[in-house]
Amino acid sequence: MRSLILDRHRKARVWLGELPDAAYLADRTIGFTVPTAAPGSGSQHVAAIELMTPLGGRIMYALVGGHFTPDQSGVLEVSVDVTNMRTGRPFAGSLVQSIDDVCVGLLAEYVDGVVEGVHSAIESNDRISGRLVIDCAAHGAVGSSIVAFRGVTRSLVRLFSSVGLDPDDAELMSVFVRSDTRRG
């Protein structure tokens, strides 16, 4: 796990080749495909990103992770595991542990953010194809939103598509794009 301090006092943690203890049992799985311009290459990747973004007197928070297997199909096939448990088990040691109650799981109310994040990442970098499974996530009782999950998912897809297996901090920082904070 690598910790990063980003612009505007944002903090991130990135897991490469491993996932944090935020796996959960899905109540259902949502799947979709996105056409891409180029076939993927390489081997399977496992990664997760946790992001905390301060916004004046409040914070945005999300953690998303999973498995990516590149292929030559020219499409990104995405599976998102969703849970209905609003108060799942606590995610210990989160970036916001002193100011928010964080639980493991991806709630249905945040799935649109995950879908938007995938599409946004593909629009800016369509050099990815294969299978992406989102099965690791955590949400805050107060700080999570569609916007928070859109931003962290966009960064995760960019991580899978553009960063090598042993990136330096500058390469990791390049996957983070400023989230649109106009909607919450």
Protein backbone atom coordinates (compact mmCIF):
# COMPACT_ATOMS: atom_id res chain seq x y z
CA MET A 1 0.00 0.00 0.00
CA ARG A 2 1.29 3.45 -0.93
CA SER A 3 0.11 6.72 0.65
CA LEU A 4 0.03 9.90 -1.44
CA ILE A 5 -0.57 13.56 -0.66
CA LEU A 6 -2.23 15.15 -3.68
CA ASP A 7 -3.11 18.73 -4.62
CA ARG A 8 -5.71 20.67 -2.62
CA HIS A 9 -5.05 18.61 0.54
CA ARG A 10 -6.42 15.42 -0.99
CA LYS A 11 -5.06 12.17 0.36
CA ALA A 12 -4.97 8.80 -1.36
CA ARG A 13 -3.86 5.29 -0.69
CA VAL A 14 -3.13 2.90 -3.54
CA TRP A 15 -2.85 -0.87 -3.28
CA LEU A 16 -1.03 -2.59 -6.17
CA GLY A 17 -0.96 -6.36 -6.50
CA GLU A 18 -3.18 -6.66 -3.43
CA LEU A 19 -6.50 -5.45 -2.10
CA PRO A 20 -7.33 -3.91 1.28
CA ASP A 21 -9.65 -5.76 3.65
CA ALA A 22 -12.72 -4.35 1.90
CA ALA A 23 -14.02 -7.36 -0.05
CA TYR A 24 -17.74 -8.05 0.40
CA LEU A 25 -20.47 -10.45 -0.63
CA ALA A 26 -22.57 -9.09 -3.46
CA ASP A 27 -26.34 -9.01 -3.30
CA ARG A 28 -26.29 -8.51 -7.07
CA THR A 29 -23.88 -7.77 -9.89
CA ILE A 30 -24.32 -5.08 -12.51
CA GLY A 31 -22.55 -5.62 -15.81
CA PHE A 32 -21.92 -3.44 -18.86
CA THR A 33 -19.46 -3.14 -21.73
CA VAL A 34 -17.71 -0.11 -23.18
CA PRO A 35 -16.13 -0.14 -26.67
CA THR A 36 -12.50 0.95 -26.71
CA ALA A 37 -10.14 1.88 -29.52
CA ALA A 38 -7.27 -0.49 -28.79
CA PRO A 39 -6.82 -4.02 -27.55
CA GLY A 40 -5.31 -4.51 -24.12
CA SER A 41 -2.07 -6.26 -23.31
CA GLY A 42 -0.19 -7.55 -20.31
CA SER A 43 -1.25 -9.70 -17.41
CA GLN A 44 -3.92 -9.55 -14.74
CA HIS A 45 -3.72 -6.64 -12.30
CA VAL A 46 -5.19 -6.26 -8.82
CA ALA A 47 -5.48 -2.79 -7.33
CA ALA A 48 -7.54 -0.48 -5.15
CA ILE A 49 -7.67 3.26 -4.50
CA GLU A 50 -8.94 5.09 -1.43
CA LEU A 51 -9.43 8.85 -1.85
CA MET A 52 -10.30 11.59 0.63
CA THR A 53 -11.09 15.04 -0.75
CA PRO A 54 -11.68 17.95 1.69
CA LEU A 55 -14.31 20.46 0.60
CA GLY A 56 -14.41 23.27 3.10
CA GLY A 57 -16.31 21.95 6.11
CA ARG A 58 -16.96 18.48 4.66
CA ILE A 59 -15.12 15.65 2.92
CA MET A 60 -15.73 13.32 0.00
CA TYR A 61 -14.66 9.72 0.49
CA ALA A 62 -14.59 6.51 -1.54
CA LEU A 63 -12.60 3.30 -1.84
CA VAL A 64 -12.85 1.12 -4.97
CA GLY A 65 -10.80 -1.87 -6.03
CA GLY A 66 -10.85 -5.00 -8.07
CA HIS A 67 -9.28 -7.16 -10.73
CA PHE A 68 -8.45 -6.28 -14.33
CA THR A 69 -7.59 -8.88 -16.95
CA PRO A 70 -6.52 -7.35 -20.30
CA ASP A 71 -7.43 -8.98 -23.59
CA GLN A 72 -7.53 -8.24 -27.32
CA SER A 73 -11.32 -7.80 -27.59
CA GLY A 74 -11.44 -4.01 -28.08
CA VAL A 75 -14.11 -3.68 -25.35
CA LEU A 76 -13.98 -3.23 -21.61
CA GLU A 77 -16.36 -5.67 -19.92
CA VAL A 78 -17.21 -4.42 -16.43
CA SER A 79 -18.83 -6.28 -13.52
CA VAL A 80 -19.72 -4.29 -10.40
CA ASP A 81 -20.66 -6.13 -7.20
CA VAL A 82 -23.35 -4.30 -5.23
CA THR A 83 -24.44 -4.75 -1.64
CA ASN A 84 -27.64 -3.63 0.05
CA MET A 85 -26.13 -3.46 3.53
CA ARG A 86 -25.88 0.21 4.48
CA THR A 87 -24.08 -0.67 7.71
CA GLY A 88 -21.72 -3.46 6.76
CA ARG A 89 -18.62 -4.29 8.73
CA PRO A 90 -16.37 -1.32 9.54
CA PHE A 91 -13.36 -0.61 7.34
CA ALA A 92 -10.66 -0.15 9.95
CA GLY A 93 -7.98 2.47 9.46
CA SER A 94 -9.66 4.46 6.69
CA LEU A 95 -8.31 7.86 5.67
CA VAL A 96 -11.35 9.45 7.35
CA GLN A 97 -11.63 7.22 10.42
CA SER A 98 -11.62 10.17 12.85
CA ILE A 99 -14.44 12.05 11.06
CA ASP A 100 -16.68 9.47 9.36
CA ASP A 101 -17.97 5.95 9.91
CA VAL A 102 -16.67 3.87 7.00
CA CYS A 103 -18.19 0.50 6.12
CA VAL A 104 -17.17 -2.14 3.60
CA GLY A 105 -19.34 -2.52 0.48
CA LEU A 106 -20.61 -0.67 -2.55
CA LEU A 107 -24.17 0.55 -2.12
CA ALA A 108 -26.56 0.71 -5.07
CA GLU A 109 -26.82 4.50 -4.67
CA TYR A 110 -23.14 4.83 -5.68
CA VAL A 111 -23.17 2.51 -8.71
CA ASP A 112 -23.95 5.37 -11.11
CA GLY A 113 -20.73 7.02 -9.93
CA VAL A 114 -18.76 3.86 -10.69
CA VAL A 115 -20.33 3.59 -14.16
CA GLU A 116 -19.69 7.29 -14.88
CA GLY A 117 -16.09 6.91 -13.67
CA VAL A 118 -15.44 4.04 -16.07
CA HIS A 119 -16.92 5.98 -19.01
CA SER A 120 -14.98 9.12 -18.09
CA ALA A 121 -11.69 7.22 -17.94
CA ILE A 122 -12.37 5.58 -21.32
CA GLU A 123 -13.16 8.96 -22.91
CA SER A 124 -9.76 10.31 -21.87
CA ASN A 125 -7.75 7.13 -22.47
CA ASP A 126 -9.28 4.36 -24.54
CA ARG A 127 -6.19 2.10 -24.57
CA ILE A 128 -7.78 -0.50 -22.34
CA SER A 129 -9.77 -3.62 -23.11
CA GLY A 130 -10.51 -6.73 -21.14
CA ARG A 131 -12.48 -7.59 -18.05
CA LEU A 132 -12.77 -5.38 -14.96
CA VAL A 133 -14.37 -6.76 -11.80
CA ILE A 134 -15.14 -4.30 -8.99
CA ASP A 135 -15.48 -6.39 -5.83
CA CYS A 136 -13.72 -4.30 -3.20
CA ALA A 137 -15.16 -1.04 -1.86
CA ALA A 138 -15.89 1.06 1.19
CA HIS A 139 -18.19 4.02 1.76
CA GLY A 140 -18.54 6.68 4.43
CA ALA A 141 -21.81 7.33 6.23
CA VAL A 142 -21.48 11.06 5.52
CA GLY A 143 -18.67 11.67 3.00
CA SER A 144 -19.53 9.28 0.19
CA SER A 145 -21.45 10.31 -2.90
CA ILE A 146 -21.85 9.53 -6.58
CA VAL A 147 -19.22 12.20 -7.27
CA ALA A 148 -16.71 10.61 -4.86
CA PHE A 149 -17.16 7.18 -6.45
CA ARG A 150 -16.96 8.62 -9.98
CA GLY A 151 -13.60 10.23 -9.24
CA VAL A 152 -11.99 7.24 -7.54
CA THR A 153 -13.27 4.80 -10.20
CA ARG A 154 -11.94 7.04 -12.97
CA SER A 155 -8.54 6.98 -11.24
CA LEU A 156 -8.67 3.18 -10.81
CA VAL A 157 -9.38 2.60 -14.52
CA ARG A 158 -6.59 5.03 -15.42
CA LEU A 159 -4.30 3.09 -13.07
CA PHE A 160 -5.11 -0.20 -14.81
CA SER A 161 -4.65 1.30 -18.27
CA SER A 162 -1.57 3.45 -17.92
CA VAL A 163 0.66 2.54 -14.98
CA GLY A 164 3.21 -0.27 -14.90
CA LEU A 165 3.47 -2.89 -12.19
CA ASP A 166 6.06 -0.94 -10.17
CA PRO A 167 5.28 2.78 -10.63
CA ASP A 168 7.00 5.61 -8.80
CA ASP A 169 4.94 8.19 -6.88
CA ALA A 170 4.83 10.59 -9.86
CA GLU A 171 3.31 7.89 -12.08
CA LEU A 172 0.75 7.07 -9.41
CA MET A 173 -0.15 10.71 -8.95
CA SER A 174 -0.77 11.04 -12.69
CA VAL A 175 -3.88 8.83 -12.47
CA PHE A 176 -5.66 11.27 -10.18
CA VAL A 177 -7.66 13.91 -11.97
CA ARG A 178 -9.52 16.54 -10.06
CA SER A 179 -13.08 15.39 -9.38
CA ASP A 180 -16.04 17.49 -10.40
CA THR A 181 -17.27 18.77 -7.04
CA ARG A 182 -20.25 20.73 -8.35
CA ARG A 183 -22.60 17.83 -7.69
CA GLY A 184 -22.58 15.89 -4.47
